[in-house]
Amino acid sequence: MITAVVLIDTVHDRIPEVAQALAEIDGVSEVYSVAGRFDLVAMVRVAEHDQLAEVIAGAVDRVPGVERTETLIAFRAYSRHDLEAAFSIGLS
């Protein structure tokens, strides 16, 4: 599974509509409204790299109200459980 985090600038008075449209795109697993530099964050999960272009450039960027995107491709996922194992020295 390939995961990409897509940071999205939108037309400010359309954030809820843009978020809903993004959530309906195949390959977009979640959409978050956020505080900070960007308006929305979309999590994209696909099976192959070629699908990233289809989802992001072919669908996300074309949603009315999306002004700009910045995409971060995840290399590896870490969870709290994994981090605890990584820092464990074997003491109970």
PDB file of N, CA and C in Angstrom:
ATOM      1  N   MET A   1       0.843  -1.180   0.000  1.00  0.00           N
ATOM      2  CA  MET A   1       0.000   0.000   0.000  1.00  0.00           C
ATOM      3  C   MET A   1       0.883   1.236   0.000  1.00  0.00           C
ATOM      4  N   ILE A   2       0.591   2.164  -0.874  1.00  0.00           N
ATOM      5  CA  ILE A   2       1.319   3.422  -0.965  1.00  0.00           C
ATOM      6  C   ILE A   2       0.434   4.510  -0.359  1.00  0.00           C
ATOM      7  N   THR A   3       1.024   5.277   0.544  1.00  0.00           N
ATOM      8  CA  THR A   3       0.277   6.338   1.214  1.00  0.00           C
ATOM      9  C   THR A   3       0.885   7.684   0.859  1.00  0.00           C
ATOM     10  N   ALA A   4       0.020   8.636   0.545  1.00  0.00           N
ATOM     11  CA  ALA A   4       0.449  10.014   0.298  1.00  0.00           C
ATOM     12  C   ALA A   4      -0.405  10.935   1.163  1.00  0.00           C
ATOM     13  N   VAL A   5       0.244  11.948   1.693  1.00  0.00           N
ATOM     14  CA  VAL A   5      -0.437  12.989   2.452  1.00  0.00           C
ATOM     15  C   VAL A   5      -0.511  14.200   1.523  1.00  0.00           C
ATOM     16  N   VAL A   6      -1.720  14.644   1.211  1.00  0.00           N
ATOM     17  CA  VAL A   6      -1.900  15.756   0.279  1.00  0.00           C
ATOM     18  C   VAL A   6      -2.369  16.972   1.064  1.00  0.00           C
ATOM     19  N   LEU A   7      -1.542  18.010   1.076  1.00  0.00           N
ATOM     20  CA  LEU A   7      -1.852  19.269   1.747  1.00  0.00           C
ATOM     21  C   LEU A   7      -2.545  20.165   0.727  1.00  0.00           C
ATOM     22  N   ILE A   8      -3.679  20.740   1.095  1.00  0.00           N
ATOM     23  CA  ILE A   8      -4.537  21.397   0.104  1.00  0.00           C
ATOM     24  C   ILE A   8      -4.922  22.806   0.546  1.00  0.00           C
ATOM     25  N   ASP A   9      -4.715  23.773  -0.345  1.00  0.00           N
ATOM     26  CA  ASP A   9      -5.245  25.125  -0.200  1.00  0.00           C
ATOM     27  C   ASP A   9      -6.542  25.185  -0.990  1.00  0.00           C
ATOM     28  N   THR A  10      -7.572  25.778  -0.400  1.00  0.00           N
ATOM     29  CA  THR A  10      -8.860  25.868  -1.073  1.00  0.00           C
ATOM     30  C   THR A  10      -9.358  27.305  -1.097  1.00  0.00           C
ATOM     31  N   VAL A  11     -10.411  27.533  -1.857  1.00  0.00           N
ATOM     32  CA  VAL A  11     -11.165  28.770  -1.763  1.00  0.00           C
ATOM     33  C   VAL A  11     -11.817  28.725  -0.382  1.00  0.00           C
ATOM     34  N   HIS A  12     -11.575  29.742   0.444  1.00  0.00           N
ATOM     35  CA  HIS A  12     -11.935  29.663   1.865  1.00  0.00           C
ATOM     36  C   HIS A  12     -13.423  29.507   2.153  1.00  0.00           C
ATOM     37  N   ASP A  13     -14.277  30.034   1.323  1.00  0.00           N
ATOM     38  CA  ASP A  13     -15.706  29.888   1.614  1.00  0.00           C
ATOM     39  C   ASP A  13     -16.280  28.578   1.097  1.00  0.00           C
ATOM     40  N   ARG A  14     -15.416  27.694   0.564  1.00  0.00           N
ATOM     41  CA  ARG A  14     -15.879  26.401   0.029  1.00  0.00           C
ATOM     42  C   ARG A  14     -15.223  25.208   0.717  1.00  0.00           C
ATOM     43  N   ILE A  15     -14.584  25.410   1.840  1.00  0.00           N
ATOM     44  CA  ILE A  15     -13.846  24.322   2.488  1.00  0.00           C
ATOM     45  C   ILE A  15     -14.731  23.092   2.741  1.00  0.00           C
ATOM     46  N   PRO A  16     -15.927  23.219   3.315  1.00  0.00           N
ATOM     47  CA  PRO A  16     -16.740  22.010   3.561  1.00  0.00           C
ATOM     48  C   PRO A  16     -17.130  21.270   2.276  1.00  0.00           C
ATOM     49  N   GLU A  17     -17.478  22.027   1.240  1.00  0.00           N
ATOM     50  CA  GLU A  17     -17.867  21.396  -0.027  1.00  0.00           C
ATOM     51  C   GLU A  17     -16.685  20.699  -0.694  1.00  0.00           C
ATOM     52  N   VAL A  18     -15.525  21.343  -0.648  1.00  0.00           N
ATOM     53  CA  VAL A  18     -14.317  20.744  -1.223  1.00  0.00           C
ATOM     54  C   VAL A  18     -13.954  19.481  -0.451  1.00  0.00           C
ATOM     55  N   ALA A  19     -14.008  19.545   0.867  1.00  0.00           N
ATOM     56  CA  ALA A  19     -13.676  18.380   1.697  1.00  0.00           C
ATOM     57  C   ALA A  19     -14.594  17.212   1.371  1.00  0.00           C
ATOM     58  N   GLN A  20     -15.877  17.462   1.241  1.00  0.00           N
ATOM     59  CA  GLN A  20     -16.827  16.390   0.925  1.00  0.00           C
ATOM     60  C   GLN A  20     -16.554  15.802  -0.452  1.00  0.00           C
ATOM     61  N   ALA A  21     -16.274  16.647  -1.432  1.00  0.00           N
ATOM     62  CA  ALA A  21     -15.975  16.157  -2.787  1.00  0.00           C
ATOM     63  C   ALA A  21     -14.703  15.314  -2.785  1.00  0.00           C
ATOM     64  N   LEU A  22     -13.702  15.741  -2.029  1.00  0.00           N
ATOM     65  CA  LEU A  22     -12.455  14.973  -1.948  1.00  0.00           C
ATOM     66  C   LEU A  22     -12.683  13.619  -1.297  1.00  0.00           C
ATOM     67  N   ALA A  23     -13.501  13.577  -0.253  1.00  0.00           N
ATOM     68  CA  ALA A  23     -13.764  12.331   0.470  1.00  0.00           C
ATOM     69  C   ALA A  23     -14.452  11.289  -0.405  1.00  0.00           C
ATOM     70  N   GLU A  24     -15.097  11.724  -1.459  1.00  0.00           N
ATOM     71  CA  GLU A  24     -15.810  10.810  -2.356  1.00  0.00           C
ATOM     72  C   GLU A  24     -14.928  10.235  -3.465  1.00  0.00           C
ATOM     73  N   ILE A  25     -13.681  10.680  -3.568  1.00  0.00           N
ATOM     74  CA  ILE A  25     -12.769  10.199  -4.611  1.00  0.00           C
ATOM     75  C   ILE A  25     -12.208   8.843  -4.214  1.00  0.00           C
ATOM     76  N   ASP A  26     -12.259   7.876  -5.134  1.00  0.00           N
ATOM     77  CA  ASP A  26     -11.642   6.577  -4.888  1.00  0.00           C
ATOM     78  C   ASP A  26     -10.155   6.763  -4.657  1.00  0.00           C
ATOM     79  N   GLY A  27      -9.643   6.193  -3.581  1.00  0.00           N
ATOM     80  CA  GLY A  27      -8.238   6.331  -3.237  1.00  0.00           C
ATOM     81  C   GLY A  27      -8.005   7.323  -2.117  1.00  0.00           C
ATOM     82  N   VAL A  28      -8.962   8.199  -1.865  1.00  0.00           N
ATOM     83  CA  VAL A  28      -8.864   9.135  -0.742  1.00  0.00           C
ATOM     84  C   VAL A  28      -9.542   8.465   0.441  1.00  0.00           C
ATOM     85  N   SER A  29      -8.757   8.172   1.485  1.00  0.00           N
ATOM     86  CA  SER A  29      -9.316   7.452   2.629  1.00  0.00           C
ATOM     87  C   SER A  29      -9.871   8.380   3.697  1.00  0.00           C
ATOM     88  N   GLU A  30      -9.257   9.542   3.881  1.00  0.00           N
ATOM     89  CA  GLU A  30      -9.731  10.504   4.870  1.00  0.00           C
ATOM     90  C   GLU A  30      -9.426  11.916   4.389  1.00  0.00           C
ATOM     91  N   VAL A  31     -10.219  12.864   4.857  1.00  0.00           N
ATOM     92  CA  VAL A  31      -9.961  14.283   4.608  1.00  0.00           C
ATOM     93  C   VAL A  31     -10.151  15.002   5.941  1.00  0.00           C
ATOM     94  N   TYR A  32      -9.173  15.823   6.300  1.00  0.00           N
ATOM     95  CA  TYR A  32      -9.218  16.561   7.558  1.00  0.00           C
ATOM     96  C   TYR A  32      -9.196  18.067   7.268  1.00  0.00           C
ATOM     97  N   SER A  33     -10.045  18.820   7.953  1.00  0.00           N
ATOM     98  CA  SER A  33      -9.877  20.271   7.950  1.00  0.00           C
ATOM     99  C   SER A  33      -8.877  20.554   9.062  1.00  0.00           C
ATOM    100  N   VAL A  34      -7.945  21.456   8.800  1.00  0.00           N
ATOM    101  CA  VAL A  34      -6.843  21.684   9.736  1.00  0.00           C
ATOM    102  C   VAL A  34      -6.590  23.176   9.922  1.00  0.00           C
ATOM    103  N   ALA A  35      -5.921  23.494  11.024  1.00  0.00           N
ATOM    104  CA  ALA A  35      -5.462  24.850  11.272  1.00  0.00           C
ATOM    105  C   ALA A  35      -4.022  24.937  10.770  1.00  0.00           C
ATOM    106  N   GLY A  36      -3.614  26.112  10.336  1.00  0.00           N
ATOM    107  CA  GLY A  36      -2.243  26.285   9.886  1.00  0.00           C
ATOM    108  C   GLY A  36      -2.178  26.747   8.453  1.00  0.00           C
ATOM    109  N   ARG A  37      -1.094  26.460   7.813  1.00  0.00           N
ATOM    110  CA  ARG A  37      -0.794  26.935   6.463  1.00  0.00           C
ATOM    111  C   ARG A  37      -1.768  26.417   5.400  1.00  0.00           C
ATOM    112  N   PHE A  38      -2.266  25.187   5.587  1.00  0.00           N
ATOM    113  CA  PHE A  38      -3.178  24.580   4.611  1.00  0.00           C
ATOM    114  C   PHE A  38      -4.574  24.493   5.201  1.00  0.00           C
ATOM    115  N   ASP A  39      -5.556  24.340   4.319  1.00  0.00           N
ATOM    116  CA  ASP A  39      -6.956  24.263   4.740  1.00  0.00           C
ATOM    117  C   ASP A  39      -7.407  22.832   4.994  1.00  0.00           C
ATOM    118  N   LEU A  40      -6.936  21.913   4.149  1.00  0.00           N
ATOM    119  CA  LEU A  40      -7.346  20.514   4.227  1.00  0.00           C
ATOM    120  C   LEU A  40      -6.136  19.604   4.085  1.00  0.00           C
ATOM    121  N   VAL A  41      -6.246  18.410   4.637  1.00  0.00           N
ATOM    122  CA  VAL A  41      -5.255  17.357   4.436  1.00  0.00           C
ATOM    123  C   VAL A  41      -6.021  16.117   4.004  1.00  0.00           C
ATOM    124  N   ALA A  42      -5.622  15.552   2.871  1.00  0.00           N
ATOM    125  CA  ALA A  42      -6.245  14.323   2.383  1.00  0.00           C
ATOM    126  C   ALA A  42      -5.231  13.192   2.453  1.00  0.00           C
ATOM    127  N   MET A  43      -5.671  12.054   2.950  1.00  0.00           N
ATOM    128  CA  MET A  43      -4.842  10.860   2.978  1.00  0.00           C
ATOM    129  C   MET A  43      -5.225  10.024   1.766  1.00  0.00           C
ATOM    130  N   VAL A  44      -4.225   9.736   0.940  1.00  0.00           N
ATOM    131  CA  VAL A  44      -4.453   8.935  -0.261  1.00  0.00           C
ATOM    132  C   VAL A  44      -3.745   7.608  -0.075  1.00  0.00           C
ATOM    133  N   ARG A  45      -4.480   6.530  -0.289  1.00  0.00           N
ATOM    134  CA  ARG A  45      -3.899   5.183  -0.166  1.00  0.00           C
ATOM    135  C   ARG A  45      -4.249   4.400  -1.419  1.00  0.00           C
ATOM    136  N   VAL A  46      -3.197   3.977  -2.136  1.00  0.00           N
ATOM    137  CA  VAL A  46      -3.372   3.236  -3.390  1.00  0.00           C
ATOM    138  C   VAL A  46      -2.416   2.048  -3.426  1.00  0.00           C
ATOM    139  N   ALA A  47      -2.649   1.147  -4.355  1.00  0.00           N
ATOM    140  CA  ALA A  47      -1.828  -0.055  -4.455  1.00  0.00           C
ATOM    141  C   ALA A  47      -0.541   0.173  -5.242  1.00  0.00           C
ATOM    142  N   GLU A  48      -0.572   1.067  -6.221  1.00  0.00           N
ATOM    143  CA  GLU A  48       0.585   1.273  -7.103  1.00  0.00           C
ATOM    144  C   GLU A  48       0.876   2.761  -7.285  1.00  0.00           C
ATOM    145  N   HIS A  49       2.150   3.070  -7.528  1.00  0.00           N
ATOM    146  CA  HIS A  49       2.554   4.476  -7.703  1.00  0.00           C
ATOM    147  C   HIS A  49       1.801   5.169  -8.831  1.00  0.00           C
ATOM    148  N   ASP A  50       1.547   4.464  -9.933  1.00  0.00           N
ATOM    149  CA  ASP A  50       0.840   5.076 -11.055  1.00  0.00           C
ATOM    150  C   ASP A  50      -0.528   5.602 -10.646  1.00  0.00           C
ATOM    151  N   GLN A  51      -1.131   4.977  -9.662  1.00  0.00           N
ATOM    152  CA  GLN A  51      -2.446   5.409  -9.210  1.00  0.00           C
ATOM    153  C   GLN A  51      -2.393   6.746  -8.483  1.00  0.00           C
ATOM    154  N   LEU A  52      -1.240   7.104  -7.934  1.00  0.00           N
ATOM    155  CA  LEU A  52      -1.118   8.414  -7.281  1.00  0.00           C
ATOM    156  C   LEU A  52      -1.425   9.533  -8.266  1.00  0.00           C
ATOM    157  N   ALA A  53      -0.889   9.431  -9.468  1.00  0.00           N
ATOM    158  CA  ALA A  53      -1.141  10.459 -10.484  1.00  0.00           C
ATOM    159  C   ALA A  53      -2.617  10.522 -10.842  1.00  0.00           C
ATOM    160  N   GLU A  54      -3.248   9.364 -10.955  1.00  0.00           N
ATOM    161  CA  GLU A  54      -4.676   9.337 -11.284  1.00  0.00           C
ATOM    162  C   GLU A  54      -5.502  10.011 -10.196  1.00  0.00           C
ATOM    163  N   VAL A  55      -5.190   9.694  -8.945  1.00  0.00           N
ATOM    164  CA  VAL A  55      -5.987  10.229  -7.838  1.00  0.00           C
ATOM    165  C   VAL A  55      -5.673  11.703  -7.595  1.00  0.00           C
ATOM    166  N   ILE A  56      -4.385  12.041  -7.523  1.00  0.00           N
ATOM    167  CA  ILE A  56      -4.017  13.410  -7.132  1.00  0.00           C
ATOM    168  C   ILE A  56      -4.144  14.371  -8.307  1.00  0.00           C
ATOM    169  N   ALA A  57      -3.407  14.126  -9.373  1.00  0.00           N
ATOM    170  CA  ALA A  57      -3.466  15.046 -10.519  1.00  0.00           C
ATOM    171  C   ALA A  57      -4.754  14.882 -11.321  1.00  0.00           C
ATOM    172  N   GLY A  58      -5.276  13.677 -11.344  1.00  0.00           N
ATOM    173  CA  GLY A  58      -6.463  13.413 -12.159  1.00  0.00           C
ATOM    174  C   GLY A  58      -7.777  13.709 -11.470  1.00  0.00           C
ATOM    175  N   ALA A  59      -7.799  13.737 -10.145  1.00  0.00           N
ATOM    176  CA  ALA A  59      -9.070  13.946  -9.452  1.00  0.00           C
ATOM    177  C   ALA A  59      -8.995  15.044  -8.382  1.00  0.00           C
ATOM    178  N   VAL A  60      -8.055  14.934  -7.449  1.00  0.00           N
ATOM    179  CA  VAL A  60      -7.974  15.913  -6.356  1.00  0.00           C
ATOM    180  C   VAL A  60      -7.768  17.321  -6.906  1.00  0.00           C
ATOM    181  N   ASP A  61      -6.794  17.488  -7.778  1.00  0.00           N
ATOM    182  CA  ASP A  61      -6.490  18.817  -8.321  1.00  0.00           C
ATOM    183  C   ASP A  61      -7.626  19.400  -9.157  1.00  0.00           C
ATOM    184  N   ARG A  62      -8.552  18.567  -9.578  1.00  0.00           N
ATOM    185  CA  ARG A  62      -9.642  19.024 -10.440  1.00  0.00           C
ATOM    186  C   ARG A  62     -10.926  19.345  -9.694  1.00  0.00           C
ATOM    187  N   VAL A  63     -10.930  19.134  -8.397  1.00  0.00           N
ATOM    188  CA  VAL A  63     -12.124  19.460  -7.612  1.00  0.00           C
ATOM    189  C   VAL A  63     -12.281  20.983  -7.589  1.00  0.00           C
ATOM    190  N   PRO A  64     -13.461  21.489  -7.960  1.00  0.00           N
ATOM    191  CA  PRO A  64     -13.674  22.933  -7.909  1.00  0.00           C
ATOM    192  C   PRO A  64     -13.439  23.467  -6.499  1.00  0.00           C
ATOM    193  N   GLY A  65     -12.630  24.509  -6.404  1.00  0.00           N
ATOM    194  CA  GLY A  65     -12.305  25.107  -5.118  1.00  0.00           C
ATOM    195  C   GLY A  65     -10.906  24.762  -4.639  1.00  0.00           C
ATOM    196  N   VAL A  66     -10.283  23.729  -5.218  1.00  0.00           N
ATOM    197  CA  VAL A  66      -8.894  23.405  -4.870  1.00  0.00           C
ATOM    198  C   VAL A  66      -8.000  24.392  -5.605  1.00  0.00           C
ATOM    199  N   GLU A  67      -7.188  25.136  -4.858  1.00  0.00           N
ATOM    200  CA  GLU A  67      -6.308  26.126  -5.469  1.00  0.00           C
ATOM    201  C   GLU A  67      -4.887  25.619  -5.652  1.00  0.00           C
ATOM    202  N   ARG A  68      -4.393  24.819  -4.675  1.00  0.00           N
ATOM    203  CA  ARG A  68      -3.009  24.349  -4.742  1.00  0.00           C
ATOM    204  C   ARG A  68      -2.879  23.123  -3.858  1.00  0.00           C
ATOM    205  N   THR A  69      -2.006  22.208  -4.273  1.00  0.00           N
ATOM    206  CA  THR A  69      -1.726  21.038  -3.437  1.00  0.00           C
ATOM    207  C   THR A  69      -0.225  20.855  -3.293  1.00  0.00           C
ATOM    208  N   GLU A  70       0.140  20.204  -2.207  1.00  0.00           N
ATOM    209  CA  GLU A  70       1.518  19.772  -1.993  1.00  0.00           C
ATOM    210  C   GLU A  70       1.431  18.334  -1.482  1.00  0.00           C
ATOM    211  N   THR A  71       2.146  17.433  -2.127  1.00  0.00           N
ATOM    212  CA  THR A  71       2.020  16.010  -1.812  1.00  0.00           C
ATOM    213  C   THR A  71       3.277  15.482  -1.151  1.00  0.00           C
ATOM    214  N   LEU A  72       3.068  14.753  -0.055  1.00  0.00           N
ATOM    215  CA  LEU A  72       4.142  14.084   0.666  1.00  0.00           C
ATOM    216  C   LEU A  72       3.900  12.581   0.525  1.00  0.00           C
ATOM    217  N   ILE A  73       4.862  11.852  -0.015  1.00  0.00           N
ATOM    218  CA  ILE A  73       4.726  10.410  -0.169  1.00  0.00           C
ATOM    219  C   ILE A  73       5.396   9.737   1.019  1.00  0.00           C
ATOM    220  N   ALA A  74       4.655   8.876   1.692  1.00  0.00           N
ATOM    221  CA  ALA A  74       5.173   8.201   2.884  1.00  0.00           C
ATOM    222  C   ALA A  74       6.078   7.043   2.475  1.00  0.00           C
ATOM    223  N   PHE A  75       7.218   6.936   3.152  1.00  0.00           N
ATOM    224  CA  PHE A  75       8.127   5.817   2.937  1.00  0.00           C
ATOM    225  C   PHE A  75       7.803   4.662   3.870  1.00  0.00           C
ATOM    226  N   ARG A  76       7.552   4.980   5.129  1.00  0.00           N
ATOM    227  CA  ARG A  76       7.357   3.956   6.147  1.00  0.00           C
ATOM    228  C   ARG A  76       6.385   4.500   7.183  1.00  0.00           C
ATOM    229  N   ALA A  77       5.576   3.607   7.742  1.00  0.00           N
ATOM    230  CA  ALA A  77       4.636   4.010   8.788  1.00  0.00           C
ATOM    231  C   ALA A  77       5.144   3.518  10.133  1.00  0.00           C
ATOM    232  N   TYR A  78       5.006   4.353  11.118  1.00  0.00           N
ATOM    233  CA  TYR A  78       5.376   4.003  12.486  1.00  0.00           C
ATOM    234  C   TYR A  78       4.153   4.184  13.364  1.00  0.00           C
ATOM    235  N   SER A  79       3.943   3.252  14.233  1.00  0.00           N
ATOM    236  CA  SER A  79       2.868   3.407  15.210  1.00  0.00           C
ATOM    237  C   SER A  79       3.489   3.465  16.588  1.00  0.00           C
ATOM    238  N   ARG A  80       2.707   3.812  17.569  1.00  0.00           N
ATOM    239  CA  ARG A  80       3.212   3.861  18.935  1.00  0.00           C
ATOM    240  C   ARG A  80       3.785   2.504  19.333  1.00  0.00           C
ATOM    241  N   HIS A  81       3.097   1.441  18.951  1.00  0.00           N
ATOM    242  CA  HIS A  81       3.561   0.085  19.263  1.00  0.00           C
ATOM    243  C   HIS A  81       4.934  -0.163  18.646  1.00  0.00           C
ATOM    244  N   ASP A  82       5.126   0.211  17.393  1.00  0.00           N
ATOM    245  CA  ASP A  82       6.418   0.010  16.738  1.00  0.00           C
ATOM    246  C   ASP A  82       7.517   0.814  17.420  1.00  0.00           C
ATOM    247  N   LEU A  83       7.224   2.039  17.822  1.00  0.00           N
ATOM    248  CA  LEU A  83       8.220   2.877  18.472  1.00  0.00           C
ATOM    249  C   LEU A  83       8.615   2.316  19.832  1.00  0.00           C
ATOM    250  N   GLU A  84       7.650   1.789  20.565  1.00  0.00           N
ATOM    251  CA  GLU A  84       7.973   1.182  21.849  1.00  0.00           C
ATOM    252  C   GLU A  84       8.913  -0.004  21.659  1.00  0.00           C
ATOM    253  N   ALA A  85       8.674  -0.822  20.638  1.00  0.00           N
ATOM    254  CA  ALA A  85       9.548  -1.966  20.367  1.00  0.00           C
ATOM    255  C   ALA A  85      10.927  -1.507  19.949  1.00  0.00           C
ATOM    256  N   ALA A  86      11.005  -0.432  19.172  1.00  0.00           N
ATOM    257  CA  ALA A  86      12.281   0.062  18.677  1.00  0.00           C
ATOM    258  C   ALA A  86      13.166   0.575  19.826  1.00  0.00           C
ATOM    259  N   PHE A  87      12.555   1.156  20.852  1.00  0.00           N
ATOM    260  CA  PHE A  87      13.319   1.728  21.950  1.00  0.00           C
ATOM    261  C   PHE A  87      13.423   0.818  23.171  1.00  0.00           C
ATOM    262  N   SER A  88      12.847  -0.354  23.058  1.00  0.00           N
ATOM    263  CA  SER A  88      12.883  -1.295  24.174  1.00  0.00           C
ATOM    264  C   SER A  88      14.275  -1.882  24.320  1.00  0.00           C
ATOM    265  N   ILE A  89      14.711  -2.012  25.570  1.00  0.00           N
ATOM    266  CA  ILE A  89      16.016  -2.654  25.805  1.00  0.00           C
ATOM    267  C   ILE A  89      15.835  -4.033  26.442  1.00  0.00           C
ATOM    268  N   GLY A  90      14.584  -4.507  26.363  1.00  0.00           N
ATOM    269  CA  GLY A  90      14.330  -5.856  26.829  1.00  0.00           C
ATOM    270  C   GLY A  90      13.982  -5.987  28.293  1.00  0.00           C
ATOM    271  N   LEU A  91      13.827  -4.884  29.003  1.00  0.00           N
ATOM    272  CA  LEU A  91      13.454  -4.943  30.411  1.00  0.00           C
ATOM    273  C   LEU A  91      11.953  -4.942  30.556  1.00  0.00           C
ATOM    274  N   SER A  92      11.442  -5.746  31.449  1.00  0.00           N
ATOM    275  CA  SER A  92       9.994  -5.792  31.668  1.00  0.00           C
ATOM    276  C   SER A  92       9.595  -4.880  32.808  1.00  0.00           C
TER     277      SER A  92
END
